[in-house]
N, C-alpha and C. Protein backbone atom coordinates (compact mmCIF):
# COMPACT_ATOMS: atom_id res chain seq x y z
N MET A 1 0.80 -1.23 0.13
CA MET A 1 -0.09 -0.05 0.03
C MET A 1 0.86 1.31 -0.01
N ARG A 2 0.58 2.27 -0.89
CA ARG A 2 1.41 3.46 -0.80
C ARG A 2 0.72 4.64 -0.14
N ALA A 3 1.52 5.28 0.42
CA ALA A 3 0.81 6.70 1.10
C ALA A 3 0.52 7.58 0.19
N LEU A 4 -0.67 8.14 0.66
CA LEU A 4 -1.18 9.28 -0.27
C LEU A 4 -0.01 10.65 -0.23
N PRO A 5 0.10 11.19 -1.14
CA PRO A 5 0.88 12.54 -1.19
C PRO A 5 0.03 13.62 -0.01
N LYS A 6 0.94 14.10 0.66
CA LYS A 6 0.19 15.39 1.40
C LYS A 6 -0.17 16.37 0.58
N THR A 7 -1.33 16.88 0.88
CA THR A 7 -1.85 18.07 0.44
C THR A 7 -2.02 19.25 1.29
N ARG A 8 -1.76 20.37 1.05
CA ARG A 8 -2.02 21.39 1.94
C ARG A 8 -3.17 22.20 1.62
N CYS A 9 -3.77 22.79 2.48
CA CYS A 9 -5.02 23.68 2.28
C CYS A 9 -4.92 25.02 2.99
N ARG A 10 -5.61 25.84 2.66
CA ARG A 10 -5.71 27.22 3.31
C ARG A 10 -6.59 27.07 4.49
N ALA A 11 -6.54 28.22 5.39
CA ALA A 11 -7.48 28.27 6.59
C ALA A 11 -8.95 28.24 6.07
N ASP A 12 -9.14 29.21 4.96
CA ASP A 12 -10.56 29.08 4.77
C ASP A 12 -11.18 28.03 4.05
N GLU A 13 -10.33 27.11 3.34
CA GLU A 13 -10.56 25.82 2.72
C GLU A 13 -10.95 24.89 3.79
N TYR A 14 -10.13 24.82 4.93
CA TYR A 14 -10.44 24.06 6.11
C TYR A 14 -11.75 24.44 6.81
N LEU A 15 -11.88 25.57 6.89
CA LEU A 15 -13.06 26.00 7.75
C LEU A 15 -14.42 25.64 6.83
N ALA A 16 -14.47 25.65 5.58
CA ALA A 16 -15.55 25.41 4.59
C ALA A 16 -15.75 23.78 4.79
N PHE A 17 -14.48 23.02 4.89
CA PHE A 17 -14.62 21.65 4.82
C PHE A 17 -15.18 21.25 6.25
N GLU A 18 -14.48 21.90 7.28
CA GLU A 18 -15.13 21.53 8.52
C GLU A 18 -16.64 21.83 8.91
N ASN A 19 -17.12 22.86 8.46
CA ASN A 19 -18.44 23.31 8.59
C ASN A 19 -19.63 22.33 7.75
N ALA A 20 -18.86 21.54 6.61
CA ALA A 20 -19.69 20.51 5.95
C ALA A 20 -19.54 19.13 6.43
N SER A 21 -18.64 19.09 7.39
CA SER A 21 -18.33 17.62 7.91
C SER A 21 -19.13 17.41 9.17
N SER A 22 -19.50 16.00 9.21
CA SER A 22 -20.25 15.59 10.48
C SER A 22 -19.25 15.23 11.49
N GLU A 23 -17.89 15.12 11.12
CA GLU A 23 -16.82 14.67 12.26
C GLU A 23 -15.99 16.02 12.55
N LYS A 24 -15.40 15.94 13.22
CA LYS A 24 -14.37 16.95 13.98
C LYS A 24 -13.07 16.91 13.49
N HIS A 25 -12.39 17.88 12.94
CA HIS A 25 -10.95 17.73 12.61
C HIS A 25 -10.22 18.79 13.23
N GLU A 26 -8.82 18.74 13.12
CA GLU A 26 -8.00 19.94 13.42
C GLU A 26 -7.08 20.39 12.40
N TYR A 27 -6.78 21.52 12.37
CA TYR A 27 -5.99 22.03 11.19
C TYR A 27 -4.55 22.37 11.72
N VAL A 28 -3.43 21.94 11.31
CA VAL A 28 -2.11 22.06 11.84
C VAL A 28 -1.21 22.29 10.56
N ALA A 29 -0.69 23.54 10.40
CA ALA A 29 0.22 24.03 9.46
C ALA A 29 -0.27 23.51 8.00
N GLY A 30 -1.36 23.72 7.67
CA GLY A 30 -1.87 23.46 6.27
C GLY A 30 -2.54 22.23 6.16
N GLU A 31 -2.38 21.15 7.25
CA GLU A 31 -2.92 19.76 7.13
C GLU A 31 -4.13 19.77 7.89
N ILE A 32 -4.92 18.74 7.64
CA ILE A 32 -6.16 18.38 8.42
C ILE A 32 -6.13 17.03 8.80
N PHE A 33 -6.43 16.84 10.19
CA PHE A 33 -6.39 15.52 10.82
C PHE A 33 -7.61 15.24 11.56
N ALA A 34 -8.04 14.13 11.58
CA ALA A 34 -9.40 13.78 12.16
C ALA A 34 -9.06 13.65 13.58
N MET A 35 -10.08 14.29 14.36
CA MET A 35 -10.24 13.94 15.89
C MET A 35 -11.10 12.83 16.30
N VAL A 36 -10.62 12.32 17.36
CA VAL A 36 -11.34 11.03 17.93
C VAL A 36 -12.40 11.68 18.84
N GLY A 37 -13.73 11.17 18.64
CA GLY A 37 -14.74 11.72 19.62
C GLY A 37 -14.55 11.23 20.97
N ALA A 38 -15.05 11.88 21.99
CA ALA A 38 -14.83 11.62 23.27
C ALA A 38 -16.20 11.05 23.81
N THR A 39 -15.93 10.06 24.70
CA THR A 39 -17.05 9.49 25.43
C THR A 39 -17.44 10.37 26.73
N ARG A 40 -18.63 10.34 27.05
CA ARG A 40 -18.95 11.06 28.44
C ARG A 40 -18.02 10.76 29.64
N ARG A 41 -17.54 9.26 29.55
CA ARG A 41 -16.58 8.73 30.71
C ARG A 41 -15.45 9.77 30.64
N HIS A 42 -14.97 9.81 29.35
CA HIS A 42 -13.70 10.33 29.01
C HIS A 42 -13.78 11.76 29.55
N ASN A 43 -14.89 12.43 29.27
CA ASN A 43 -14.93 13.94 29.51
C ASN A 43 -15.16 14.03 31.21
N ALA A 44 -15.87 13.15 31.87
CA ALA A 44 -16.01 13.51 33.24
C ALA A 44 -14.34 12.85 33.84
N ILE A 45 -13.72 12.21 33.38
CA ILE A 45 -12.39 12.00 34.01
C ILE A 45 -11.64 13.14 33.62
N ALA A 46 -11.46 13.54 32.45
CA ALA A 46 -10.60 14.82 32.17
C ALA A 46 -11.05 15.97 32.80
N GLY A 47 -12.35 16.05 33.00
CA GLY A 47 -12.71 17.18 34.09
C GLY A 47 -12.27 17.22 35.56
N ASN A 48 -12.50 15.96 35.89
CA ASN A 48 -11.97 15.61 37.36
C ASN A 48 -10.41 15.94 37.51
N LEU A 49 -9.67 15.53 36.42
CA LEU A 49 -8.27 15.74 36.45
C LEU A 49 -7.87 17.11 36.28
N TYR A 50 -8.67 17.84 35.58
CA TYR A 50 -8.54 19.46 35.40
C TYR A 50 -8.85 20.18 36.73
N SER A 51 -9.92 19.63 37.42
CA SER A 51 -10.33 20.38 38.58
C SER A 51 -9.46 19.87 39.85
N ALA A 52 -8.82 18.72 39.94
CA ALA A 52 -8.02 18.27 41.12
C ALA A 52 -7.22 19.29 41.90
N PRO A 53 -6.26 19.67 41.12
CA PRO A 53 -5.32 20.63 41.77
C PRO A 53 -5.93 21.84 42.50
N GLU A 54 -7.10 22.31 41.83
CA GLU A 54 -7.80 23.39 42.51
C GLU A 54 -8.46 23.01 43.63
N SER A 55 -8.97 21.84 43.73
CA SER A 55 -9.82 21.19 44.68
C SER A 55 -8.65 21.07 45.93
N LEU A 56 -7.71 20.50 45.58
CA LEU A 56 -6.61 20.16 46.86
C LEU A 56 -6.09 21.60 47.32
N GLN A 57 -6.12 22.75 46.47
CA GLN A 57 -5.77 24.07 47.20
C GLN A 57 -6.73 24.50 47.96
N VAL A 58 -7.79 24.45 47.56
CA VAL A 58 -9.16 24.81 48.54
C VAL A 58 -8.91 24.24 49.93
N GLY A 59 -8.82 22.71 49.72
CA GLY A 59 -8.74 22.07 50.84
C GLY A 59 -7.65 22.49 51.86
N ARG A 60 -6.40 22.74 51.56
CA ARG A 60 -5.33 23.22 52.16
C ARG A 60 -5.78 24.67 52.85
N LEU A 61 -6.66 25.44 52.27
CA LEU A 61 -6.80 26.90 52.53
C LEU A 61 -7.82 26.54 53.68
N VAL A 62 -8.90 25.58 53.54
CA VAL A 62 -10.00 25.56 54.58
C VAL A 62 -9.11 25.02 55.87
N ALA A 63 -8.16 24.05 55.66
CA ALA A 63 -7.57 23.49 56.80
C ALA A 63 -6.64 24.60 57.40
N LYS A 64 -5.90 25.61 56.72
CA LYS A 64 -5.31 26.48 57.32
C LYS A 64 -5.98 27.67 58.39
N LEU A 65 -7.30 27.88 57.74
CA LEU A 65 -8.27 28.63 58.27
C LEU A 65 -8.81 28.03 59.62
N GLY A 66 -8.63 26.71 60.00
CA GLY A 66 -9.16 25.89 61.04
C GLY A 66 -10.60 25.53 60.90
N ARG A 67 -10.95 25.33 59.79
CA ARG A 67 -12.30 24.74 59.46
C ARG A 67 -12.44 23.34 59.21
């Protein structure tokens, strides 16, 4: 199997393509890459990981205040 040659596109071409597509893509240096869809479970885990450091800081602040 041979690899297809890379073709580059302009940002306006990408935006037109993305608006017409049912799937999500990302645009990097003129190339378009398909993005994988996330599940609800994935989003919940990612959200928890994102907010964990802030939650820890709030817990330390409460402990310092003597509550």
